[in-house]
Amino acid sequence: MAYLENSLNQYDSYSYNLALHMVHPDSAGLLDAAIANGKTIVMADNSQESRYNISDVEQTFKVGFGQVRSTYGNMFTIKIHKAQHF
């Protein structure tokens, strides 16, 4: 497994576009297509126009090695708050 540099690191300032979607289990394997075709429900995002906003995301990635195979795990901590529209 190779380490890939984040291509955004070359910029002084950048931001991510984050969204949490709900999708039918039949469409989960083709998530990008489901999002593009409007077959998901946006639960929260980091824009100012949604009902719930993602304010912070932390990803913890763990690698483990056993006698048979390598194991990988991701854990996400996501802070979501209700948007206040004036």
PDB file of N, CA and C in Angstrom:
ATOM      1  N   MET A   1       0.848  -1.169   0.000  1.00  0.00           N
ATOM      2  CA  MET A   1       0.000   0.000   0.000  1.00  0.00           C
ATOM      3  C   MET A   1       0.891   1.228   0.000  1.00  0.00           C
ATOM      4  N   ALA A   2       0.659   2.126  -0.924  1.00  0.00           N
ATOM      5  CA  ALA A   2       1.488   3.317  -1.057  1.00  0.00           C
ATOM      6  C   ALA A   2       0.794   4.534  -0.452  1.00  0.00           C
ATOM      7  N   TYR A   3       1.598   5.422   0.088  1.00  0.00           N
ATOM      8  CA  TYR A   3       1.088   6.675   0.627  1.00  0.00           C
ATOM      9  C   TYR A   3       0.881   7.652  -0.523  1.00  0.00           C
ATOM     10  N   LEU A   4      -0.279   8.261  -0.599  1.00  0.00           N
ATOM     11  CA  LEU A   4      -0.563   9.244  -1.635  1.00  0.00           C
ATOM     12  C   LEU A   4      -0.627  10.628  -1.011  1.00  0.00           C
ATOM     13  N   GLU A   5       0.113  11.547  -1.543  1.00  0.00           N
ATOM     14  CA  GLU A   5       0.123  12.926  -1.071  1.00  0.00           C
ATOM     15  C   GLU A   5      -1.215  13.584  -1.392  1.00  0.00           C
ATOM     16  N   ASN A   6      -1.729  14.383  -0.468  1.00  0.00           N
ATOM     17  CA  ASN A   6      -2.952  15.149  -0.710  1.00  0.00           C
ATOM     18  C   ASN A   6      -2.615  16.278  -1.673  1.00  0.00           C
ATOM     19  N   SER A   7      -3.198  16.269  -2.858  1.00  0.00           N
ATOM     20  CA  SER A   7      -2.869  17.262  -3.885  1.00  0.00           C
ATOM     21  C   SER A   7      -3.266  18.677  -3.483  1.00  0.00           C
ATOM     22  N   LEU A   8      -4.133  18.819  -2.486  1.00  0.00           N
ATOM     23  CA  LEU A   8      -4.530  20.154  -2.028  1.00  0.00           C
ATOM     24  C   LEU A   8      -3.464  20.810  -1.161  1.00  0.00           C
ATOM     25  N   ASN A   9      -2.487  20.047  -0.689  1.00  0.00           N
ATOM     26  CA  ASN A   9      -1.442  20.608   0.167  1.00  0.00           C
ATOM     27  C   ASN A   9      -0.598  21.669  -0.535  1.00  0.00           C
ATOM     28  N   GLN A  10      -0.610  21.718  -1.850  1.00  0.00           N
ATOM     29  CA  GLN A  10       0.190  22.699  -2.577  1.00  0.00           C
ATOM     30  C   GLN A  10      -0.420  24.103  -2.553  1.00  0.00           C
ATOM     31  N   TYR A  11      -1.641  24.219  -2.076  1.00  0.00           N
ATOM     32  CA  TYR A  11      -2.323  25.512  -2.022  1.00  0.00           C
ATOM     33  C   TYR A  11      -2.264  26.104  -0.617  1.00  0.00           C
ATOM     34  N   ASP A  12      -2.238  27.452  -0.548  1.00  0.00           N
ATOM     35  CA  ASP A  12      -2.231  28.130   0.747  1.00  0.00           C
ATOM     36  C   ASP A  12      -3.534  27.915   1.497  1.00  0.00           C
ATOM     37  N   SER A  13      -4.623  27.872   0.765  1.00  0.00           N
ATOM     38  CA  SER A  13      -5.938  27.733   1.388  1.00  0.00           C
ATOM     39  C   SER A  13      -6.807  26.837   0.518  1.00  0.00           C
ATOM     40  N   TYR A  14      -7.562  25.955   1.136  1.00  0.00           N
ATOM     41  CA  TYR A  14      -8.479  25.088   0.408  1.00  0.00           C
ATOM     42  C   TYR A  14      -9.580  24.647   1.346  1.00  0.00           C
ATOM     43  N   SER A  15     -10.646  24.129   0.778  1.00  0.00           N
ATOM     44  CA  SER A  15     -11.729  23.589   1.597  1.00  0.00           C
ATOM     45  C   SER A  15     -12.286  22.356   0.903  1.00  0.00           C
ATOM     46  N   TYR A  16     -12.931  21.523   1.689  1.00  0.00           N
ATOM     47  CA  TYR A  16     -13.551  20.313   1.180  1.00  0.00           C
ATOM     48  C   TYR A  16     -15.056  20.538   1.058  1.00  0.00           C
ATOM     49  N   ASN A  17     -15.668  19.857   0.126  1.00  0.00           N
ATOM     50  CA  ASN A  17     -17.117  19.845   0.018  1.00  0.00           C
ATOM     51  C   ASN A  17     -17.577  18.507   0.580  1.00  0.00           C
ATOM     52  N   LEU A  18     -18.245  18.552   1.729  1.00  0.00           N
ATOM     53  CA  LEU A  18     -18.665  17.338   2.414  1.00  0.00           C
ATOM     54  C   LEU A  18     -20.179  17.223   2.406  1.00  0.00           C
ATOM     55  N   ALA A  19     -20.671  16.010   2.222  1.00  0.00           N
ATOM     56  CA  ALA A  19     -22.111  15.768   2.286  1.00  0.00           C
ATOM     57  C   ALA A  19     -22.349  14.356   2.807  1.00  0.00           C
ATOM     58  N   LEU A  20     -23.379  14.217   3.627  1.00  0.00           N
ATOM     59  CA  LEU A  20     -23.791  12.934   4.162  1.00  0.00           C
ATOM     60  C   LEU A  20     -25.114  12.578   3.497  1.00  0.00           C
ATOM     61  N   HIS A  21     -25.116  11.503   2.698  1.00  0.00           N
ATOM     62  CA  HIS A  21     -26.289  11.105   1.927  1.00  0.00           C
ATOM     63  C   HIS A  21     -26.927   9.853   2.503  1.00  0.00           C
ATOM     64  N   MET A  22     -28.243   9.760   2.394  1.00  0.00           N
ATOM     65  CA  MET A  22     -28.963   8.527   2.689  1.00  0.00           C
ATOM     66  C   MET A  22     -29.334   7.926   1.333  1.00  0.00           C
ATOM     67  N   VAL A  23     -29.082   6.636   1.174  1.00  0.00           N
ATOM     68  CA  VAL A  23     -29.302   5.977  -0.103  1.00  0.00           C
ATOM     69  C   VAL A  23     -29.953   4.617   0.135  1.00  0.00           C
ATOM     70  N   HIS A  24     -30.785   4.194  -0.800  1.00  0.00           N
ATOM     71  CA  HIS A  24     -31.404   2.874  -0.723  1.00  0.00           C
ATOM     72  C   HIS A  24     -30.304   1.817  -0.847  1.00  0.00           C
ATOM     73  N   PRO A  25     -30.382   0.735  -0.089  1.00  0.00           N
ATOM     74  CA  PRO A  25     -29.333  -0.292  -0.143  1.00  0.00           C
ATOM     75  C   PRO A  25     -29.051  -0.816  -1.555  1.00  0.00           C
ATOM     76  N   ASP A  26     -30.051  -0.845  -2.418  1.00  0.00           N
ATOM     77  CA  ASP A  26     -29.828  -1.320  -3.789  1.00  0.00           C
ATOM     78  C   ASP A  26     -28.920  -0.393  -4.579  1.00  0.00           C
ATOM     79  N   SER A  27     -28.831   0.882  -4.183  1.00  0.00           N
ATOM     80  CA  SER A  27     -28.016   1.864  -4.898  1.00  0.00           C
ATOM     81  C   SER A  27     -26.675   2.125  -4.238  1.00  0.00           C
ATOM     82  N   ALA A  28     -26.413   1.479  -3.121  1.00  0.00           N
ATOM     83  CA  ALA A  28     -25.188   1.755  -2.371  1.00  0.00           C
ATOM     84  C   ALA A  28     -23.924   1.415  -3.160  1.00  0.00           C
ATOM     85  N   GLY A  29     -23.960   0.398  -3.991  1.00  0.00           N
ATOM     86  CA  GLY A  29     -22.798   0.013  -4.786  1.00  0.00           C
ATOM     87  C   GLY A  29     -22.479   1.002  -5.886  1.00  0.00           C
ATOM     88  N   LEU A  30     -23.447   1.792  -6.285  1.00  0.00           N
ATOM     89  CA  LEU A  30     -23.272   2.796  -7.332  1.00  0.00           C
ATOM     90  C   LEU A  30     -23.592   4.173  -6.760  1.00  0.00           C
ATOM     91  N   LEU A  31     -22.935   4.516  -5.659  1.00  0.00           N
ATOM     92  CA  LEU A  31     -23.264   5.740  -4.930  1.00  0.00           C
ATOM     93  C   LEU A  31     -23.076   7.005  -5.765  1.00  0.00           C
ATOM     94  N   ASP A  32     -21.984   7.104  -6.509  1.00  0.00           N
ATOM     95  CA  ASP A  32     -21.752   8.298  -7.328  1.00  0.00           C
ATOM     96  C   ASP A  32     -22.878   8.502  -8.341  1.00  0.00           C
ATOM     97  N   ALA A  33     -23.327   7.429  -8.971  1.00  0.00           N
ATOM     98  CA  ALA A  33     -24.420   7.529  -9.948  1.00  0.00           C
ATOM     99  C   ALA A  33     -25.725   7.903  -9.253  1.00  0.00           C
ATOM    100  N   ALA A  34     -25.966   7.343  -8.068  1.00  0.00           N
ATOM    101  CA  ALA A  34     -27.193   7.660  -7.327  1.00  0.00           C
ATOM    102  C   ALA A  34     -27.223   9.141  -6.942  1.00  0.00           C
ATOM    103  N   ILE A  35     -26.073   9.684  -6.524  1.00  0.00           N
ATOM    104  CA  ILE A  35     -26.000  11.111  -6.193  1.00  0.00           C
ATOM    105  C   ILE A  35     -26.235  11.954  -7.432  1.00  0.00           C
ATOM    106  N   ALA A  36     -25.589  11.601  -8.540  1.00  0.00           N
ATOM    107  CA  ALA A  36     -25.729  12.361  -9.785  1.00  0.00           C
ATOM    108  C   ALA A  36     -27.161  12.338 -10.310  1.00  0.00           C
ATOM    109  N   ASN A  37     -27.880  11.232 -10.092  1.00  0.00           N
ATOM    110  CA  ASN A  37     -29.247  11.101 -10.591  1.00  0.00           C
ATOM    111  C   ASN A  37     -30.305  11.547  -9.581  1.00  0.00           C
ATOM    112  N   GLY A  38     -29.867  12.107  -8.453  1.00  0.00           N
ATOM    113  CA  GLY A  38     -30.809  12.589  -7.450  1.00  0.00           C
ATOM    114  C   GLY A  38     -31.555  11.494  -6.711  1.00  0.00           C
ATOM    115  N   LYS A  39     -30.947  10.317  -6.607  1.00  0.00           N
ATOM    116  CA  LYS A  39     -31.600   9.190  -5.940  1.00  0.00           C
ATOM    117  C   LYS A  39     -31.130   9.023  -4.493  1.00  0.00           C
ATOM    118  N   THR A  40     -30.630  10.098  -3.904  1.00  0.00           N
ATOM    119  CA  THR A  40     -30.239  10.086  -2.502  1.00  0.00           C
ATOM    120  C   THR A  40     -30.933  11.242  -1.796  1.00  0.00           C
ATOM    121  N   ILE A  41     -30.923  11.185  -0.488  1.00  0.00           N
ATOM    122  CA  ILE A  41     -31.417  12.295   0.322  1.00  0.00           C
ATOM    123  C   ILE A  41     -30.210  12.863   1.059  1.00  0.00           C
ATOM    124  N   VAL A  42     -29.968  14.156   0.914  1.00  0.00           N
ATOM    125  CA  VAL A  42     -28.855  14.798   1.611  1.00  0.00           C
ATOM    126  C   VAL A  42     -29.274  15.014   3.061  1.00  0.00           C
ATOM    127  N   MET A  43     -28.584  14.332   3.963  1.00  0.00           N
ATOM    128  CA  MET A  43     -28.883  14.455   5.389  1.00  0.00           C
ATOM    129  C   MET A  43     -28.219  15.693   5.986  1.00  0.00           C
ATOM    130  N   ALA A  44     -26.978  15.968   5.559  1.00  0.00           N
ATOM    131  CA  ALA A  44     -26.232  17.124   6.054  1.00  0.00           C
ATOM    132  C   ALA A  44     -25.109  17.418   5.082  1.00  0.00           C
ATOM    133  N   ASP A  45     -24.689  18.672   5.036  1.00  0.00           N
ATOM    134  CA  ASP A  45     -23.511  19.041   4.247  1.00  0.00           C
ATOM    135  C   ASP A  45     -22.843  20.248   4.883  1.00  0.00           C
ATOM    136  N   ASN A  46     -21.774  20.727   4.266  1.00  0.00           N
ATOM    137  CA  ASN A  46     -21.065  21.854   4.850  1.00  0.00           C
ATOM    138  C   ASN A  46     -21.384  23.164   4.142  1.00  0.00           C
ATOM    139  N   SER A  47     -22.502  23.233   3.437  1.00  0.00           N
ATOM    140  CA  SER A  47     -22.931  24.488   2.816  1.00  0.00           C
ATOM    141  C   SER A  47     -23.781  25.276   3.801  1.00  0.00           C
ATOM    142  N   GLN A  48     -24.104  26.459   3.446  1.00  0.00           N
ATOM    143  CA  GLN A  48     -24.924  27.310   4.309  1.00  0.00           C
ATOM    144  C   GLN A  48     -26.408  27.171   4.005  1.00  0.00           C
ATOM    145  N   GLU A  49     -26.769  26.339   3.038  1.00  0.00           N
ATOM    146  CA  GLU A  49     -28.159  26.261   2.595  1.00  0.00           C
ATOM    147  C   GLU A  49     -28.891  24.998   3.036  1.00  0.00           C
ATOM    148  N   SER A  50     -28.222  24.094   3.711  1.00  0.00           N
ATOM    149  CA  SER A  50     -28.888  22.868   4.127  1.00  0.00           C
ATOM    150  C   SER A  50     -29.481  23.023   5.525  1.00  0.00           C
ATOM    151  N   ARG A  51     -30.339  22.100   5.892  1.00  0.00           N
ATOM    152  CA  ARG A  51     -30.978  22.141   7.208  1.00  0.00           C
ATOM    153  C   ARG A  51     -30.012  21.758   8.322  1.00  0.00           C
ATOM    154  N   TYR A  52     -29.142  20.789   8.044  1.00  0.00           N
ATOM    155  CA  TYR A  52     -28.133  20.370   9.009  1.00  0.00           C
ATOM    156  C   TYR A  52     -26.758  20.567   8.386  1.00  0.00           C
ATOM    157  N   ASN A  53     -25.857  21.138   9.153  1.00  0.00           N
ATOM    158  CA  ASN A  53     -24.523  21.450   8.654  1.00  0.00           C
ATOM    159  C   ASN A  53     -23.468  20.577   9.313  1.00  0.00           C
ATOM    160  N   ILE A  54     -22.503  20.149   8.510  1.00  0.00           N
ATOM    161  CA  ILE A  54     -21.334  19.440   9.011  1.00  0.00           C
ATOM    162  C   ILE A  54     -20.318  20.512   9.391  1.00  0.00           C
ATOM    163  N   SER A  55     -19.976  20.561  10.666  1.00  0.00           N
ATOM    164  CA  SER A  55     -19.049  21.601  11.111  1.00  0.00           C
ATOM    165  C   SER A  55     -17.628  21.081  11.297  1.00  0.00           C
ATOM    166  N   ASP A  56     -17.479  19.763  11.492  1.00  0.00           N
ATOM    167  CA  ASP A  56     -16.145  19.228  11.743  1.00  0.00           C
ATOM    168  C   ASP A  56     -16.140  17.729  11.427  1.00  0.00           C
ATOM    169  N   VAL A  57     -15.058  17.258  10.817  1.00  0.00           N
ATOM    170  CA  VAL A  57     -14.896  15.831  10.516  1.00  0.00           C
ATOM    171  C   VAL A  57     -13.476  15.427  10.879  1.00  0.00           C
ATOM    172  N   GLU A  58     -13.363  14.313  11.581  1.00  0.00           N
ATOM    173  CA  GLU A  58     -12.055  13.749  11.887  1.00  0.00           C
ATOM    174  C   GLU A  58     -12.063  12.286  11.453  1.00  0.00           C
ATOM    175  N   GLN A  59     -11.049  11.889  10.684  1.00  0.00           N
ATOM    176  CA  GLN A  59     -10.926  10.504  10.236  1.00  0.00           C
ATOM    177  C   GLN A  59      -9.730   9.863  10.919  1.00  0.00           C
ATOM    178  N   THR A  60      -9.954   8.690  11.490  1.00  0.00           N
ATOM    179  CA  THR A  60      -8.877   7.906  12.079  1.00  0.00           C
ATOM    180  C   THR A  60      -8.754   6.627  11.270  1.00  0.00           C
ATOM    181  N   PHE A  61      -7.582   6.399  10.718  1.00  0.00           N
ATOM    182  CA  PHE A  61      -7.320   5.235   9.875  1.00  0.00           C
ATOM    183  C   PHE A  61      -6.345   4.325  10.603  1.00  0.00           C
ATOM    184  N   LYS A  62      -6.689   3.055  10.707  1.00  0.00           N
ATOM    185  CA  LYS A  62      -5.830   2.104  11.408  1.00  0.00           C
ATOM    186  C   LYS A  62      -5.483   0.942  10.497  1.00  0.00           C
ATOM    187  N   VAL A  63      -4.249   0.515  10.586  1.00  0.00           N
ATOM    188  CA  VAL A  63      -3.768  -0.637   9.827  1.00  0.00           C
ATOM    189  C   VAL A  63      -3.295  -1.685  10.823  1.00  0.00           C
ATOM    190  N   GLY A  64      -3.711  -2.914  10.618  1.00  0.00           N
ATOM    191  CA  GLY A  64      -3.264  -4.009  11.471  1.00  0.00           C
ATOM    192  C   GLY A  64      -2.763  -5.159  10.617  1.00  0.00           C
ATOM    193  N   PHE A  65      -1.883  -5.943  11.170  1.00  0.00           N
ATOM    194  CA  PHE A  65      -1.331  -7.068  10.423  1.00  0.00           C
ATOM    195  C   PHE A  65      -1.481  -8.334  11.250  1.00  0.00           C
ATOM    196  N   GLY A  66      -2.017  -9.353  10.619  1.00  0.00           N
ATOM    197  CA  GLY A  66      -2.158 -10.645  11.278  1.00  0.00           C
ATOM    198  C   GLY A  66      -1.336 -11.689  10.549  1.00  0.00           C
ATOM    199  N   GLN A  67      -1.473 -12.942  10.964  1.00  0.00           N
ATOM    200  CA  GLN A  67      -0.720 -14.015  10.319  1.00  0.00           C
ATOM    201  C   GLN A  67      -1.253 -14.315   8.923  1.00  0.00           C
ATOM    202  N   VAL A  68      -2.514 -13.991   8.680  1.00  0.00           N
ATOM    203  CA  VAL A  68      -3.126 -14.350   7.406  1.00  0.00           C
ATOM    204  C   VAL A  68      -3.214 -13.155   6.461  1.00  0.00           C
ATOM    205  N   ARG A  69      -3.609 -11.982   6.978  1.00  0.00           N
ATOM    206  CA  ARG A  69      -3.802 -10.839   6.081  1.00  0.00           C
ATOM    207  C   ARG A  69      -3.718  -9.525   6.857  1.00  0.00           C
ATOM    208  N   SER A  70      -3.638  -8.459   6.091  1.00  0.00           N
ATOM    209  CA  SER A  70      -3.668  -7.119   6.673  1.00  0.00           C
ATOM    210  C   SER A  70      -5.111  -6.700   6.895  1.00  0.00           C
ATOM    211  N   THR A  71      -5.330  -5.878   7.883  1.00  0.00           N
ATOM    212  CA  THR A  71      -6.664  -5.356   8.141  1.00  0.00           C
ATOM    213  C   THR A  71      -6.609  -3.840   8.151  1.00  0.00           C
ATOM    214  N   TYR A  72      -7.687  -3.231   7.723  1.00  0.00           N
ATOM    215  CA  TYR A  72      -7.771  -1.784   7.656  1.00  0.00           C
ATOM    216  C   TYR A  72      -9.082  -1.348   8.297  1.00  0.00           C
ATOM    217  N   GLY A  73      -9.053  -0.222   8.935  1.00  0.00           N
ATOM    218  CA  GLY A  73     -10.269   0.289   9.541  1.00  0.00           C
ATOM    219  C   GLY A  73     -10.305   1.807   9.495  1.00  0.00           C
ATOM    220  N   ASN A  74     -11.472   2.344   9.270  1.00  0.00           N
ATOM    221  CA  ASN A  74     -11.697   3.782   9.298  1.00  0.00           C
ATOM    222  C   ASN A  74     -12.733   4.101  10.354  1.00  0.00           C
ATOM    223  N   MET A  75     -12.493   5.154  11.084  1.00  0.00           N
ATOM    224  CA  MET A  75     -13.483   5.659  12.017  1.00  0.00           C
ATOM    225  C   MET A  75     -13.626   7.156  11.754  1.00  0.00           C
ATOM    226  N   PHE A  76     -14.857   7.596  11.621  1.00  0.00           N
ATOM    227  CA  PHE A  76     -15.116   9.011  11.393  1.00  0.00           C
ATOM    228  C   PHE A  76     -15.870   9.587  12.580  1.00  0.00           C
ATOM    229  N   THR A  77     -15.455  10.745  13.021  1.00  0.00           N
ATOM    230  CA  THR A  77     -16.188  11.520  14.010  1.00  0.00           C
ATOM    231  C   THR A  77     -16.696  12.761  13.287  1.00  0.00           C
ATOM    232  N   ILE A  78     -18.012  12.897  13.207  1.00  0.00           N
ATOM    233  CA  ILE A  78     -18.621  13.993  12.450  1.00  0.00           C
ATOM    234  C   ILE A  78     -19.483  14.821  13.391  1.00  0.00           C
ATOM    235  N   LYS A  79     -19.230  16.129  13.414  1.00  0.00           N
ATOM    236  CA  LYS A  79     -20.056  17.040  14.213  1.00  0.00           C
ATOM    237  C   LYS A  79     -21.084  17.696  13.297  1.00  0.00           C
ATOM    238  N   ILE A  80     -22.340  17.540  13.636  1.00  0.00           N
ATOM    239  CA  ILE A  80     -23.446  18.070  12.837  1.00  0.00           C
ATOM    240  C   ILE A  80     -24.298  18.961  13.741  1.00  0.00           C
ATOM    241  N   HIS A  81     -24.668  20.121  13.220  1.00  0.00           N
ATOM    242  CA  HIS A  81     -25.553  20.984  13.987  1.00  0.00           C
ATOM    243  C   HIS A  81     -26.665  21.513  13.084  1.00  0.00           C
ATOM    244  N   LYS A  82     -27.762  21.871  13.695  1.00  0.00           N
ATOM    245  CA  LYS A  82     -28.897  22.391  12.950  1.00  0.00           C
ATOM    246  C   LYS A  82     -28.580  23.804  12.494  1.00  0.00           C
ATOM    247  N   ALA A  83     -28.834  24.070  11.223  1.00  0.00           N
ATOM    248  CA  ALA A  83     -28.556  25.389  10.659  1.00  0.00           C
ATOM    249  C   ALA A  83     -29.534  26.405  11.202  1.00  0.00           C
ATOM    250  N   GLN A  84     -29.055  27.614  11.383  1.00  0.00           N
ATOM    251  CA  GLN A  84     -29.891  28.715  11.833  1.00  0.00           C
ATOM    252  C   GLN A  84     -30.014  29.700  10.685  1.00  0.00           C
ATOM    253  N   HIS A  85     -31.161  29.694  10.032  1.00  0.00           N
ATOM    254  CA  HIS A  85     -31.394  30.609   8.919  1.00  0.00           C
ATOM    255  C   HIS A  85     -32.089  31.849   9.440  1.00  0.00           C
ATOM    256  N   PHE A  86     -31.604  32.983   9.022  1.00  0.00           N
ATOM    257  CA  PHE A  86     -32.186  34.242   9.481  1.00  0.00           C
ATOM    258  C   PHE A  86     -33.079  34.846   8.438  1.00  0.00           C
TER     259      PHE A  86
END
